[in-house]
Full PDB file with SEQRES, HELIX, SHEET, SSBOND, CRYST1, ORIGX, SCALE, CONECT and MASTER records, all heavy atoms in Angstrom:
SEQRES   1 A   30  GLY ARG VAL GLY VAL ARG MET ARG ARG GLU LEU THR GLU          
SEQRES   2 A   30  LEU LEU HIS VAL LEU PRO ALA MET SER LEU HIS ALA GLU          
SEQRES   3 A   30  ILE GLU ALA LEU                                              
HELIX    1 AA1 VAL A    5  VAL A   17  1                                  13    
HELIX    2 AA2 ALA A   20  ALA A   29  1                                  10    
CRYST1    1.000    1.000    1.000  90.00  90.00  90.00 P 1           1          
ORIGX1      1.000000  0.000000  0.000000        0.00000                         
ORIGX2      0.000000  1.000000  0.000000        0.00000                         
ORIGX3      0.000000  0.000000  1.000000        0.00000                         
SCALE1      1.000000  0.000000  0.000000        0.00000                         
SCALE2      0.000000  1.000000  0.000000        0.00000                         
SCALE3      0.000000  0.000000  1.000000        0.00000                         
ATOM      1  N   GLY A   1      17.114   4.424 -39.994  1.00  0.00           N  
ATOM      2  CA  GLY A   1      16.939   5.185 -38.772  1.00  0.00           C  
ATOM      3  C   GLY A   1      15.649   4.883 -38.034  1.00  0.00           C  
ATOM      4  O   GLY A   1      15.253   5.628 -37.139  1.00  0.00           O  
ATOM      5  N   ARG A   2      15.011   3.794 -38.405  1.00  0.00           N  
ATOM      6  CA  ARG A   2      13.759   3.416 -37.735  1.00  0.00           C  
ATOM      7  C   ARG A   2      13.495   1.935 -37.952  1.00  0.00           C  
ATOM      8  O   ARG A   2      14.150   1.285 -38.755  1.00  0.00           O  
ATOM      9  CB  ARG A   2      12.585   4.238 -38.253  1.00  0.00           C  
ATOM     10  CG  ARG A   2      12.262   3.998 -39.703  1.00  0.00           C  
ATOM     11  CD  ARG A   2      11.140   4.907 -40.208  1.00  0.00           C  
ATOM     12  NE  ARG A   2      10.821   4.582 -41.588  1.00  0.00           N  
ATOM     13  CZ  ARG A   2       9.985   3.631 -41.965  1.00  0.00           C  
ATOM     14  NH1 ARG A   2       9.370   2.903 -41.064  1.00  0.00           N  
ATOM     15  NH2 ARG A   2       9.753   3.390 -43.230  1.00  0.00           N  
ATOM     16  N   VAL A   3      12.505   1.433 -37.219  1.00  0.00           N  
ATOM     17  CA  VAL A   3      12.076   0.042 -37.366  1.00  0.00           C  
ATOM     18  C   VAL A   3      10.651   0.070 -37.916  1.00  0.00           C  
ATOM     19  O   VAL A   3       9.702   0.337 -37.176  1.00  0.00           O  
ATOM     20  CB  VAL A   3      12.129  -0.708 -36.013  1.00  0.00           C  
ATOM     21  CG1 VAL A   3      11.642  -2.138 -36.176  1.00  0.00           C  
ATOM     22  CG2 VAL A   3      13.528  -0.671 -35.443  1.00  0.00           C  
ATOM     23  N   GLY A   4      10.542  -0.179 -39.194  1.00  0.00           N  
ATOM     24  CA  GLY A   4       9.229  -0.170 -39.836  1.00  0.00           C  
ATOM     25  C   GLY A   4       8.485  -1.479 -39.620  1.00  0.00           C  
ATOM     26  O   GLY A   4       8.964  -2.394 -38.938  1.00  0.00           O  
ATOM     27  N   VAL A   5       7.331  -1.572 -40.233  1.00  0.00           N  
ATOM     28  CA  VAL A   5       6.478  -2.757 -40.085  1.00  0.00           C  
ATOM     29  C   VAL A   5       7.186  -4.007 -40.599  1.00  0.00           C  
ATOM     30  O   VAL A   5       7.211  -5.048 -39.929  1.00  0.00           O  
ATOM     31  CB  VAL A   5       5.132  -2.544 -40.824  1.00  0.00           C  
ATOM     32  CG1 VAL A   5       4.296  -3.807 -40.819  1.00  0.00           C  
ATOM     33  CG2 VAL A   5       4.375  -1.383 -40.217  1.00  0.00           C  
ATOM     34  N   ARG A   6       7.775  -3.926 -41.784  1.00  0.00           N  
ATOM     35  CA  ARG A   6       8.464  -5.091 -42.359  1.00  0.00           C  
ATOM     36  C   ARG A   6       9.645  -5.497 -41.484  1.00  0.00           C  
ATOM     37  O   ARG A   6       9.845  -6.683 -41.192  1.00  0.00           O  
ATOM     38  CB  ARG A   6       8.944  -4.781 -43.775  1.00  0.00           C  
ATOM     39  CG  ARG A   6       9.651  -5.976 -44.442  1.00  0.00           C  
ATOM     40  CD  ARG A   6      10.284  -5.603 -45.758  1.00  0.00           C  
ATOM     41  NE  ARG A   6      11.277  -4.556 -45.656  1.00  0.00           N  
ATOM     42  CZ  ARG A   6      12.550  -4.755 -45.256  1.00  0.00           C  
ATOM     43  NH1 ARG A   6      12.966  -5.952 -44.915  1.00  0.00           N  
ATOM     44  NH2 ARG A   6      13.393  -3.743 -45.201  1.00  0.00           N  
ATOM     45  N   MET A   7      10.405  -4.519 -41.041  1.00  0.00           N  
ATOM     46  CA  MET A   7      11.564  -4.802 -40.202  1.00  0.00           C  
ATOM     47  C   MET A   7      11.129  -5.441 -38.885  1.00  0.00           C  
ATOM     48  O   MET A   7      11.745  -6.401 -38.415  1.00  0.00           O  
ATOM     49  CB  MET A   7      12.324  -3.501 -39.920  1.00  0.00           C  
ATOM     50  CG  MET A   7      13.533  -3.673 -39.069  1.00  0.00           C  
ATOM     51  SD  MET A   7      14.866  -4.555 -39.875  1.00  0.00           S  
ATOM     52  CE  MET A   7      15.121  -3.515 -41.285  1.00  0.00           C  
ATOM     53  N   ARG A   8      10.088  -4.932 -38.290  1.00  0.00           N  
ATOM     54  CA  ARG A   8       9.567  -5.488 -37.037  1.00  0.00           C  
ATOM     55  C   ARG A   8       9.143  -6.944 -37.256  1.00  0.00           C  
ATOM     56  O   ARG A   8       9.434  -7.815 -36.433  1.00  0.00           O  
ATOM     57  CB  ARG A   8       8.384  -4.654 -36.545  1.00  0.00           C  
ATOM     58  CG  ARG A   8       7.954  -4.984 -35.136  1.00  0.00           C  
ATOM     59  CD  ARG A   8       6.856  -4.057 -34.614  1.00  0.00           C  
ATOM     60  NE  ARG A   8       7.214  -2.637 -34.740  1.00  0.00           N  
ATOM     61  CZ  ARG A   8       6.581  -1.779 -35.546  1.00  0.00           C  
ATOM     62  NH1 ARG A   8       5.569  -2.165 -36.279  1.00  0.00           N  
ATOM     63  NH2 ARG A   8       6.962  -0.522 -35.601  1.00  0.00           N  
ATOM     64  N   ARG A   9       8.479  -7.211 -38.377  1.00  0.00           N  
ATOM     65  CA  ARG A   9       8.041  -8.577 -38.683  1.00  0.00           C  
ATOM     66  C   ARG A   9       9.249  -9.503 -38.850  1.00  0.00           C  
ATOM     67  O   ARG A   9       9.292 -10.600 -38.299  1.00  0.00           O  
ATOM     68  CB  ARG A   9       7.181  -8.590 -39.946  1.00  0.00           C  
ATOM     69  CG  ARG A   9       6.708  -9.984 -40.339  1.00  0.00           C  
ATOM     70  CD  ARG A   9       5.806  -9.988 -41.578  1.00  0.00           C  
ATOM     71  NE  ARG A   9       6.095  -9.003 -42.596  1.00  0.00           N  
ATOM     72  CZ  ARG A   9       7.048  -9.122 -43.543  1.00  0.00           C  
ATOM     73  NH1 ARG A   9       7.804 -10.196 -43.578  1.00  0.00           N  
ATOM     74  NH2 ARG A   9       7.229  -8.181 -44.442  1.00  0.00           N  
ATOM     75  N   GLU A  10      10.250  -9.058 -39.598  1.00  0.00           N  
ATOM     76  CA  GLU A  10      11.432  -9.889 -39.829  1.00  0.00           C  
ATOM     77  C   GLU A  10      12.218 -10.141 -38.547  1.00  0.00           C  
ATOM     78  O   GLU A  10      12.700 -11.251 -38.315  1.00  0.00           O  
ATOM     79  CB  GLU A  10      12.323  -9.255 -40.894  1.00  0.00           C  
ATOM     80  CG  GLU A  10      11.718  -9.326 -42.279  1.00  0.00           C  
ATOM     81  CD  GLU A  10      12.625  -8.752 -43.350  1.00  0.00           C  
ATOM     82  OE1 GLU A  10      13.849  -8.700 -43.144  1.00  0.00           O  
ATOM     83  OE2 GLU A  10      12.085  -8.354 -44.406  1.00  0.00           O  
ATOM     84  N   LEU A  11      12.348  -9.118 -37.723  1.00  0.00           N  
ATOM     85  CA  LEU A  11      13.041  -9.302 -36.437  1.00  0.00           C  
ATOM     86  C   LEU A  11      12.275 -10.261 -35.534  1.00  0.00           C  
ATOM     87  O   LEU A  11      12.872 -11.116 -34.871  1.00  0.00           O  
ATOM     88  CB  LEU A  11      13.224  -7.962 -35.729  1.00  0.00           C  
ATOM     89  CG  LEU A  11      14.430  -7.143 -36.165  1.00  0.00           C  
ATOM     90  CD1 LEU A  11      14.345  -5.742 -35.594  1.00  0.00           C  
ATOM     91  CD2 LEU A  11      15.719  -7.816 -35.742  1.00  0.00           C  
ATOM     92  N   THR A  12      10.962 -10.128 -35.510  1.00  0.00           N  
ATOM     93  CA  THR A  12      10.137 -11.020 -34.690  1.00  0.00           C  
ATOM     94  C   THR A  12      10.271 -12.461 -35.171  1.00  0.00           C  
ATOM     95  O   THR A  12      10.423 -13.381 -34.354  1.00  0.00           O  
ATOM     96  CB  THR A  12       8.662 -10.569 -34.732  1.00  0.00           C  
ATOM     97  OG1 THR A  12       8.590  -9.234 -34.234  1.00  0.00           O  
ATOM     98  CG2 THR A  12       7.779 -11.478 -33.898  1.00  0.00           C  
ATOM     99  N   GLU A  13      10.240 -12.658 -36.479  1.00  0.00           N  
ATOM    100  CA  GLU A  13      10.408 -14.010 -37.028  1.00  0.00           C  
ATOM    101  C   GLU A  13      11.769 -14.581 -36.655  1.00  0.00           C  
ATOM    102  O   GLU A  13      11.887 -15.754 -36.281  1.00  0.00           O  
ATOM    103  CB  GLU A  13      10.235 -13.986 -38.542  1.00  0.00           C  
ATOM    104  CG  GLU A  13       8.810 -13.757 -38.993  1.00  0.00           C  
ATOM    105  CD  GLU A  13       8.670 -13.550 -40.497  1.00  0.00           C  
ATOM    106  OE1 GLU A  13       9.698 -13.648 -41.216  1.00  0.00           O  
ATOM    107  OE2 GLU A  13       7.546 -13.284 -40.951  1.00  0.00           O  
ATOM    108  N   LEU A  14      12.805 -13.752 -36.733  1.00  0.00           N  
ATOM    109  CA  LEU A  14      14.140 -14.204 -36.374  1.00  0.00           C  
ATOM    110  C   LEU A  14      14.212 -14.587 -34.896  1.00  0.00           C  
ATOM    111  O   LEU A  14      14.765 -15.629 -34.532  1.00  0.00           O  
ATOM    112  CB  LEU A  14      15.174 -13.116 -36.693  1.00  0.00           C  
ATOM    113  CG  LEU A  14      16.618 -13.421 -36.312  1.00  0.00           C  
ATOM    114  CD1 LEU A  14      17.126 -14.659 -37.043  1.00  0.00           C  
ATOM    115  CD2 LEU A  14      17.504 -12.219 -36.603  1.00  0.00           C  
ATOM    116  N   LEU A  15      13.637 -13.762 -34.041  1.00  0.00           N  
ATOM    117  CA  LEU A  15      13.648 -14.063 -32.604  1.00  0.00           C  
ATOM    118  C   LEU A  15      12.957 -15.383 -32.297  1.00  0.00           C  
ATOM    119  O   LEU A  15      13.381 -16.117 -31.406  1.00  0.00           O  
ATOM    120  CB  LEU A  15      12.986 -12.927 -31.822  1.00  0.00           C  
ATOM    121  CG  LEU A  15      13.765 -11.620 -31.786  1.00  0.00           C  
ATOM    122  CD1 LEU A  15      12.925 -10.521 -31.138  1.00  0.00           C  
ATOM    123  CD2 LEU A  15      15.092 -11.784 -31.074  1.00  0.00           C  
ATOM    124  N   HIS A  16      11.915 -15.700 -33.057  1.00  0.00           N  
ATOM    125  CA  HIS A  16      11.183 -16.951 -32.816  1.00  0.00           C  
ATOM    126  C   HIS A  16      11.982 -18.190 -33.198  1.00  0.00           C  
ATOM    127  O   HIS A  16      11.765 -19.255 -32.619  1.00  0.00           O  
ATOM    128  CB  HIS A  16       9.841 -16.947 -33.550  1.00  0.00           C  
ATOM    129  CG  HIS A  16       8.805 -16.119 -32.879  1.00  0.00           C  
ATOM    130  ND1 HIS A  16       8.276 -16.426 -31.651  1.00  0.00           N  
ATOM    131  CD2 HIS A  16       8.202 -14.969 -33.263  1.00  0.00           C  
ATOM    132  CE1 HIS A  16       7.395 -15.519 -31.303  1.00  0.00           C  
ATOM    133  NE2 HIS A  16       7.326 -14.610 -32.255  1.00  0.00           N  
ATOM    134  N   VAL A  17      12.907 -18.055 -34.145  1.00  0.00           N  
ATOM    135  CA  VAL A  17      13.662 -19.245 -34.567  1.00  0.00           C  
ATOM    136  C   VAL A  17      14.997 -19.394 -33.845  1.00  0.00           C  
ATOM    137  O   VAL A  17      15.625 -20.440 -33.945  1.00  0.00           O  
ATOM    138  CB  VAL A  17      13.886 -19.274 -36.105  1.00  0.00           C  
ATOM    139  CG1 VAL A  17      12.572 -19.344 -36.836  1.00  0.00           C  
ATOM    140  CG2 VAL A  17      14.722 -18.105 -36.573  1.00  0.00           C  
ATOM    141  N   LEU A  18      15.421 -18.369 -33.124  1.00  0.00           N  
ATOM    142  CA  LEU A  18      16.681 -18.487 -32.383  1.00  0.00           C  
ATOM    143  C   LEU A  18      16.508 -19.460 -31.210  1.00  0.00           C  
ATOM    144  O   LEU A  18      15.559 -19.343 -30.440  1.00  0.00           O  
ATOM    145  CB  LEU A  18      17.125 -17.125 -31.848  1.00  0.00           C  
ATOM    146  CG  LEU A  18      17.567 -16.107 -32.886  1.00  0.00           C  
ATOM    147  CD1 LEU A  18      17.886 -14.778 -32.214  1.00  0.00           C  
ATOM    148  CD2 LEU A  18      18.771 -16.602 -33.671  1.00  0.00           C  
ATOM    149  N   PRO A  19      17.421 -20.412 -31.066  1.00  0.00           N  
ATOM    150  CA  PRO A  19      17.296 -21.398 -29.993  1.00  0.00           C  
ATOM    151  C   PRO A  19      17.835 -20.897 -28.656  1.00  0.00           C  
ATOM    152  O   PRO A  19      18.641 -21.559 -28.005  1.00  0.00           O  
ATOM    153  CB  PRO A  19      18.104 -22.582 -30.536  1.00  0.00           C  
ATOM    154  CG  PRO A  19      19.160 -21.951 -31.375  1.00  0.00           C  
ATOM    155  CD  PRO A  19      18.516 -20.736 -31.986  1.00  0.00           C  
ATOM    156  N   ALA A  20      17.380 -19.737 -28.233  1.00  0.00           N  
ATOM    157  CA  ALA A  20      17.892 -19.139 -26.995  1.00  0.00           C  
ATOM    158  C   ALA A  20      17.546 -19.985 -25.772  1.00  0.00           C  
ATOM    159  O   ALA A  20      18.373 -20.146 -24.870  1.00  0.00           O  
ATOM    160  CB  ALA A  20      17.359 -17.723 -26.838  1.00  0.00           C  
ATOM    161  N   MET A  21      16.335 -20.503 -25.718  1.00  0.00           N  
ATOM    162  CA  MET A  21      15.948 -21.326 -24.568  1.00  0.00           C  
ATOM    163  C   MET A  21      16.761 -22.614 -24.541  1.00  0.00           C  
ATOM    164  O   MET A  21      17.155 -23.078 -23.474  1.00  0.00           O  
ATOM    165  CB  MET A  21      14.449 -21.625 -24.598  1.00  0.00           C  
ATOM    166  CG  MET A  21      13.581 -20.368 -24.524  1.00  0.00           C  
ATOM    167  SD  MET A  21      13.917 -19.345 -23.088  1.00  0.00           S  
ATOM    168  CE  MET A  21      13.108 -20.291 -21.836  1.00  0.00           C  
ATOM    169  N   SER A  22      17.018 -23.179 -25.701  1.00  0.00           N  
ATOM    170  CA  SER A  22      17.851 -24.382 -25.763  1.00  0.00           C  
ATOM    171  C   SER A  22      19.256 -24.080 -25.278  1.00  0.00           C  
ATOM    172  O   SER A  22      19.862 -24.883 -24.563  1.00  0.00           O  
ATOM    173  CB  SER A  22      17.916 -24.919 -27.196  1.00  0.00           C  
ATOM    174  OG  SER A  22      16.670 -25.371 -27.613  1.00  0.00           O  
ATOM    175  N   LEU A  23      19.782 -22.919 -25.660  1.00  0.00           N  
ATOM    176  CA  LEU A  23      21.120 -22.542 -25.237  1.00  0.00           C  
ATOM    177  C   LEU A  23      21.191 -22.487 -23.715  1.00  0.00           C  
ATOM    178  O   LEU A  23      22.089 -23.072 -23.103  1.00  0.00           O  
ATOM    179  CB  LEU A  23      21.507 -21.190 -25.836  1.00  0.00           C  
ATOM    180  CG  LEU A  23      22.879 -20.655 -25.449  1.00  0.00           C  
ATOM    181  CD1 LEU A  23      23.983 -21.574 -25.959  1.00  0.00           C  
ATOM    182  CD2 LEU A  23      23.068 -19.250 -25.983  1.00  0.00           C  
ATOM    183  N   HIS A  24      20.246 -21.845 -23.109  1.00  0.00           N  
ATOM    184  CA  HIS A  24      20.229 -21.737 -21.643  1.00  0.00           C  
ATOM    185  C   HIS A  24      20.105 -23.119 -21.006  1.00  0.00           C  
ATOM    186  O   HIS A  24      20.838 -23.450 -20.069  1.00  0.00           O  
ATOM    187  CB  HIS A  24      19.080 -20.826 -21.195  1.00  0.00           C  
ATOM    188  CG  HIS A  24      19.039 -20.625 -19.728  1.00  0.00           C  
ATOM    189  ND1 HIS A  24      18.253 -21.388 -18.904  1.00  0.00           N  
ATOM    190  CD2 HIS A  24      19.723 -19.782 -18.924  1.00  0.00           C  
ATOM    191  CE1 HIS A  24      18.443 -21.016 -17.658  1.00  0.00           C  
ATOM    192  NE2 HIS A  24      19.325 -20.038 -17.640  1.00  0.00           N  
ATOM    193  N   ALA A  25      19.203 -23.929 -21.515  1.00  0.00           N  
ATOM    194  CA  ALA A  25      18.990 -25.263 -20.944  1.00  0.00           C  
ATOM    195  C   ALA A  25      20.245 -26.132 -21.080  1.00  0.00           C  
ATOM    196  O   ALA A  25      20.602 -26.860 -20.153  1.00  0.00           O  
ATOM    197  CB  ALA A  25      17.800 -25.936 -21.623  1.00  0.00           C  
ATOM    198  N   GLU A  26      20.910 -26.050 -22.217  1.00  0.00           N  
ATOM    199  CA  GLU A  26      22.107 -26.872 -22.419  1.00  0.00           C  
ATOM    200  C   GLU A  26      23.269 -26.410 -21.555  1.00  0.00           C  
ATOM    201  O   GLU A  26      24.048 -27.220 -21.058  1.00  0.00           O  
ATOM    202  CB  GLU A  26      22.473 -26.909 -23.905  1.00  0.00           C  
ATOM    203  CG  GLU A  26      21.481 -27.774 -24.661  1.00  0.00           C  
ATOM    204  CD  GLU A  26      21.452 -27.509 -26.139  1.00  0.00           C  
ATOM    205  OE1 GLU A  26      22.288 -26.741 -26.637  1.00  0.00           O  
ATOM    206  OE2 GLU A  26      20.557 -28.067 -26.793  1.00  0.00           O  
ATOM    207  N   ILE A  27      23.391 -25.104 -21.350  1.00  0.00           N  
ATOM    208  CA  ILE A  27      24.432 -24.600 -20.454  1.00  0.00           C  
ATOM    209  C   ILE A  27      24.163 -25.080 -19.027  1.00  0.00           C  
ATOM    210  O   ILE A  27      25.070 -25.562 -18.339  1.00  0.00           O  
ATOM    211  CB  ILE A  27      24.525 -23.064 -20.524  1.00  0.00           C  
ATOM    212  CG1 ILE A  27      25.129 -22.644 -21.868  1.00  0.00           C  
ATOM    213  CG2 ILE A  27      25.352 -22.507 -19.366  1.00  0.00           C  
ATOM    214  CD1 ILE A  27      25.080 -21.157 -22.142  1.00  0.00           C  
ATOM    215  N   GLU A  28      22.918 -24.972 -18.584  1.00  0.00           N  
ATOM    216  CA  GLU A  28      22.562 -25.435 -17.237  1.00  0.00           C  
ATOM    217  C   GLU A  28      22.799 -26.940 -17.092  1.00  0.00           C  
ATOM    218  O   GLU A  28      23.309 -27.397 -16.068  1.00  0.00           O  
ATOM    219  CB  GLU A  28      21.102 -25.089 -16.929  1.00  0.00           C  
ATOM    220  CG  GLU A  28      20.857 -23.613 -16.727  1.00  0.00           C  
ATOM    221  CD  GLU A  28      21.624 -23.045 -15.542  1.00  0.00           C  
ATOM    222  OE1 GLU A  28      21.670 -23.699 -14.484  1.00  0.00           O  
ATOM    223  OE2 GLU A  28      22.200 -21.950 -15.700  1.00  0.00           O  
ATOM    224  N   ALA A  29      22.447 -27.714 -18.110  1.00  0.00           N  
ATOM    225  CA  ALA A  29      22.641 -29.162 -18.055  1.00  0.00           C  
ATOM    226  C   ALA A  29      24.124 -29.503 -17.984  1.00  0.00           C  
ATOM    227  O   ALA A  29      24.529 -30.409 -17.241  1.00  0.00           O  
ATOM    228  CB  ALA A  29      21.994 -29.821 -19.271  1.00  0.00           C  
ATOM    229  N   LEU A  30      24.940 -28.780 -18.735  1.00  0.00           N  
ATOM    230  CA  LEU A  30      26.376 -29.042 -18.707  1.00  0.00           C  
ATOM    231  C   LEU A  30      26.957 -28.686 -17.344  1.00  0.00           C  
ATOM    232  O   LEU A  30      27.764 -29.438 -16.789  1.00  0.00           O  
ATOM    233  CB  LEU A  30      27.082 -28.275 -19.833  1.00  0.00           C  
ATOM    234  CG  LEU A  30      28.586 -28.502 -19.974  1.00  0.00           C  
ATOM    235  CD1 LEU A  30      28.942 -29.981 -20.043  1.00  0.00           C  
ATOM    236  CD2 LEU A  30      29.101 -27.757 -21.190  1.00  0.00           C  
TER     237      LEU A  30                                                      
MASTER        0    0    0    2    0    0    0    6  236    1    0    3          
END                                                                             
């Protein structure tokens, strides 16, 4: 029912490795 320190750290780490910018760039290129 909350986002603790560990959870915040893990979510932040996950967000950093997701290739979201690549996804956008590849869609635009296509």
